[in-house]
Amino acid sequence: MRAIRLFSLAISGIGAVIAIAALSSMQATAVSSASQTEAAVDAQGNLHVPRDYQTNYQQLGSWAVAADEGRGAKQLHVVLASPGSIEAYRKDGRFPDGTVLVKEVFETATKEMTTGTVSHAEKLKGWFVMVRDGNGRYPGNALWGDGWGWSWFDAANPTKTTSTDYRLNCKSCHVPAQATDWIYVDGYPALKR
């Protein structure tokens, strides 16, 4: 009987350790998500390009925008996501609250190479930043709505947006992706489940 009690006590202790570890992991994820959001948003909801995105974010994918005339691309868009966002999306098909997406927009240079006509990133034009906001934290801020914060930044100033209202400046480009929470997820191989 005493052996059964000791065994039950040991199992309970192991269960408690596992529960504490799981809770710590969930809290660390929440803190990580909050710190990523804070890296892109101030207390008033003003967005900016996160300083560390090039070293800490994960690449979602890239888009080549075809040239209006001739061969090659006129722009290259490289999209990165805050740490943990890709794994979370793969689990339930949604970006978690606090996810930060950064799209770098480059002018390109096109030339003939042995592989064919090739366009590569030449000059940074700017960034488009989106922050997932399922809680409606900034209802009075015209750059927040439809579950996201939205802003464009010219290459010369990553801290001051040129956007004034997401409905006028940003949303129209995302209307075709409304069914996938305003994000063109089909172009991001990293999100495939």
Protein backbone atom coordinates (compact mmCIF):
# COMPACT_ATOMS: atom_id res chain seq x y z
CA MET A 1 0.00 0.00 0.00
CA ARG A 2 2.83 2.36 0.87
CA ALA A 3 4.50 1.63 -2.49
CA ILE A 4 1.28 2.57 -4.30
CA ARG A 5 1.11 5.86 -2.38
CA LEU A 6 4.73 6.67 -3.20
CA PHE A 7 4.15 5.78 -6.83
CA SER A 8 1.01 8.01 -6.93
CA LEU A 9 2.92 10.83 -5.25
CA ALA A 10 5.78 10.49 -7.76
CA ILE A 11 3.35 10.53 -10.70
CA SER A 12 1.63 13.62 -9.26
CA GLY A 13 4.99 15.35 -8.84
CA ILE A 14 6.01 14.55 -12.41
CA GLY A 15 2.63 15.82 -13.64
CA ALA A 16 3.12 19.07 -11.71
CA VAL A 17 6.61 19.55 -13.19
CA ILE A 18 5.23 18.98 -16.71
CA ALA A 19 2.37 21.43 -16.10
CA ILE A 20 4.76 24.10 -14.78
CA ALA A 21 7.08 23.61 -17.76
CA ALA A 22 4.15 23.90 -20.19
CA LEU A 23 2.87 27.04 -18.46
CA SER A 24 6.35 28.59 -18.53
CA SER A 25 6.62 27.81 -22.24
CA MET A 26 3.22 29.42 -22.92
CA GLN A 27 4.19 32.49 -20.89
CA ALA A 28 7.53 32.75 -22.73
CA THR A 29 5.65 32.58 -26.06
CA ALA A 30 3.27 35.32 -24.91
CA VAL A 31 6.18 37.49 -23.74
CA SER A 32 8.02 36.83 -27.01
CA SER A 33 4.93 37.79 -29.04
CA ALA A 34 4.43 40.91 -26.93
CA SER A 35 8.07 41.96 -27.32
CA GLN A 36 7.89 41.44 -31.09
CA THR A 37 4.81 43.64 -31.24
CA GLU A 38 6.48 46.28 -29.08
CA ALA A 39 9.43 46.27 -31.52
CA ALA A 40 7.05 47.51 -34.23
CA VAL A 41 4.42 49.53 -32.31
CA ASP A 42 4.58 52.28 -29.69
CA ALA A 43 2.03 52.86 -26.91
CA GLN A 44 -0.17 55.04 -29.16
CA GLY A 45 -0.29 52.45 -31.94
CA ASN A 46 2.22 54.16 -34.23
CA LEU A 47 4.02 51.56 -36.30
CA HIS A 48 7.66 51.52 -37.38
CA VAL A 49 10.03 49.06 -39.01
CA PRO A 50 11.47 46.78 -36.29
CA ARG A 51 15.24 47.27 -36.01
CA ASP A 52 16.09 43.59 -35.66
CA TYR A 53 13.82 42.09 -38.30
CA GLN A 54 16.64 41.19 -40.72
CA THR A 55 18.41 39.03 -38.15
CA ASN A 56 15.53 37.71 -36.03
CA TYR A 57 12.58 37.28 -38.39
CA GLN A 58 11.87 34.28 -40.60
CA GLN A 59 11.43 34.58 -44.36
CA LEU A 60 7.91 33.79 -45.54
CA GLY A 61 8.63 34.16 -49.23
CA SER A 62 9.16 36.64 -52.03
CA TRP A 63 7.28 38.05 -54.98
CA ALA A 64 8.55 39.33 -58.30
CA VAL A 65 6.42 42.06 -59.86
CA ALA A 66 6.69 41.82 -63.64
CA ALA A 67 8.05 44.74 -65.63
CA ASP A 68 5.43 46.86 -67.37
CA GLU A 69 7.33 46.42 -70.63
CA GLY A 70 10.09 44.06 -71.64
CA ARG A 71 11.44 41.12 -69.72
CA GLY A 72 12.20 40.71 -66.06
CA ALA A 73 10.75 42.25 -62.92
CA LYS A 74 10.34 45.87 -61.91
CA GLN A 75 10.15 45.08 -58.18
CA LEU A 76 11.05 42.33 -55.76
CA HIS A 77 9.07 41.96 -52.52
CA VAL A 78 10.70 39.96 -49.71
CA VAL A 79 8.38 39.15 -46.78
CA LEU A 80 9.50 38.20 -43.28
CA ALA A 81 7.53 37.20 -40.16
CA SER A 82 8.27 37.67 -36.47
CA PRO A 83 9.70 34.63 -34.66
CA GLY A 84 7.21 31.85 -33.96
CA SER A 85 4.58 33.16 -36.37
CA ILE A 86 5.18 30.55 -39.05
CA GLU A 87 4.97 27.63 -36.62
CA ALA A 88 1.79 29.06 -35.09
CA TYR A 89 0.23 29.52 -38.52
CA ARG A 90 1.01 25.92 -39.47
CA LYS A 91 -0.87 24.71 -36.39
CA ASP A 92 -4.20 26.45 -36.95
CA GLY A 93 -4.04 28.39 -40.22
CA ARG A 94 -4.04 31.83 -38.56
CA PHE A 95 -1.39 34.32 -37.58
CA PRO A 96 -1.45 34.81 -33.80
CA ASP A 97 -2.16 38.16 -32.22
CA GLY A 98 1.01 40.24 -32.19
CA THR A 99 2.50 38.72 -35.36
CA VAL A 100 4.60 41.28 -37.23
CA LEU A 101 5.03 40.98 -41.01
CA VAL A 102 7.64 43.09 -42.80
CA LYS A 103 7.70 43.35 -46.59
CA GLU A 104 10.86 44.81 -48.11
CA VAL A 105 10.20 46.37 -51.51
CA PHE A 106 13.17 46.64 -53.87
CA GLU A 107 13.62 48.19 -57.28
CA THR A 108 15.33 45.62 -59.46
CA ALA A 109 18.07 45.41 -62.04
CA THR A 110 17.56 42.97 -64.92
CA LYS A 111 20.19 41.45 -67.16
CA GLU A 112 20.89 38.38 -69.24
CA MET A 113 22.85 35.67 -67.49
CA THR A 114 23.69 32.08 -68.37
CA THR A 115 20.45 30.97 -66.68
CA GLY A 116 18.33 33.42 -68.71
CA THR A 117 16.89 36.84 -67.99
CA VAL A 118 17.49 37.55 -64.30
CA SER A 119 16.17 40.32 -62.06
CA HIS A 120 17.73 40.95 -58.66
CA ALA A 121 17.16 43.39 -55.81
CA GLU A 122 18.96 46.63 -56.58
CA LYS A 123 17.68 49.48 -54.37
CA LEU A 124 15.39 49.42 -51.33
CA LYS A 125 12.27 51.52 -51.96
CA GLY A 126 10.73 50.94 -48.54
CA TRP A 127 8.84 48.62 -46.21
CA PHE A 128 5.27 47.62 -45.64
CA VAL A 129 4.60 46.56 -42.04
CA MET A 130 1.54 44.74 -40.71
CA VAL A 131 0.85 43.78 -37.08
CA ARG A 132 -1.88 41.25 -36.21
CA ASP A 133 -4.39 42.78 -33.81
CA GLY A 134 -7.29 40.50 -32.95
CA ASN A 135 -8.19 42.65 -29.93
CA GLY A 136 -8.81 46.03 -31.59
CA ARG A 137 -6.27 47.76 -29.35
CA TYR A 138 -6.17 51.07 -31.25
CA PRO A 139 -9.76 51.84 -32.34
CA GLY A 140 -9.08 55.57 -32.80
CA ASN A 141 -6.00 55.07 -34.97
CA ALA A 142 -6.76 55.15 -38.72
CA LEU A 143 -3.90 52.73 -39.45
CA TRP A 144 -5.57 49.90 -37.50
CA GLY A 145 -8.55 47.82 -38.55
CA ASP A 146 -9.76 44.56 -40.01
CA GLY A 147 -7.55 42.73 -37.51
CA TRP A 148 -4.25 44.39 -38.47
CA GLY A 149 -2.12 47.50 -38.13
CA TRP A 150 -0.97 48.64 -41.61
CA SER A 151 1.76 51.09 -42.69
CA TRP A 152 4.15 51.94 -45.53
CA PHE A 153 7.61 53.40 -44.82
CA ASP A 154 9.90 55.01 -47.38
CA ALA A 155 13.49 53.71 -47.35
CA ALA A 156 14.77 57.04 -46.03
CA ASN A 157 12.72 56.85 -42.82
CA PRO A 158 11.83 53.49 -41.19
CA THR A 159 10.30 55.21 -38.15
CA LYS A 160 7.75 57.52 -39.85
CA THR A 161 5.00 56.10 -41.97
CA THR A 162 3.67 57.88 -45.04
CA SER A 163 0.32 56.07 -44.63
CA THR A 164 -2.54 58.09 -43.17
CA ASP A 165 -5.50 55.67 -43.30
CA TYR A 166 -5.21 51.94 -43.95
CA ARG A 167 -8.57 51.92 -45.79
CA LEU A 168 -7.26 54.44 -48.33
CA ASN A 169 -3.54 53.61 -48.47
CA CYS A 170 -3.24 49.87 -47.85
CA LYS A 171 -6.41 47.79 -47.86
CA SER A 172 -7.23 48.02 -51.57
CA CYS A 173 -4.12 45.99 -52.46
CA HIS A 174 -5.23 43.26 -50.04
CA VAL A 175 -8.89 42.90 -51.06
CA PRO A 176 -8.18 39.78 -53.18
CA ALA A 177 -6.72 38.17 -50.01
CA GLN A 178 -9.66 39.01 -47.74
CA ALA A 179 -10.65 35.33 -47.41
CA THR A 180 -7.19 34.52 -45.99
CA ASP A 181 -7.24 37.29 -43.37
CA TRP A 182 -5.91 39.90 -45.82
CA ILE A 183 -2.61 38.04 -46.39
CA TYR A 184 -1.60 36.42 -49.70
CA VAL A 185 -0.69 33.14 -48.02
CA ASP A 186 -0.50 31.17 -51.30
CA GLY A 187 2.81 32.87 -52.08
CA TYR A 188 4.48 31.68 -48.90
CA PRO A 189 5.82 28.11 -49.04
CA ALA A 190 6.84 28.31 -45.36
CA LEU A 191 3.14 28.34 -44.36
CA LYS A 192 2.25 25.07 -46.08
CA ARG A 193 0.88 22.53 -43.62
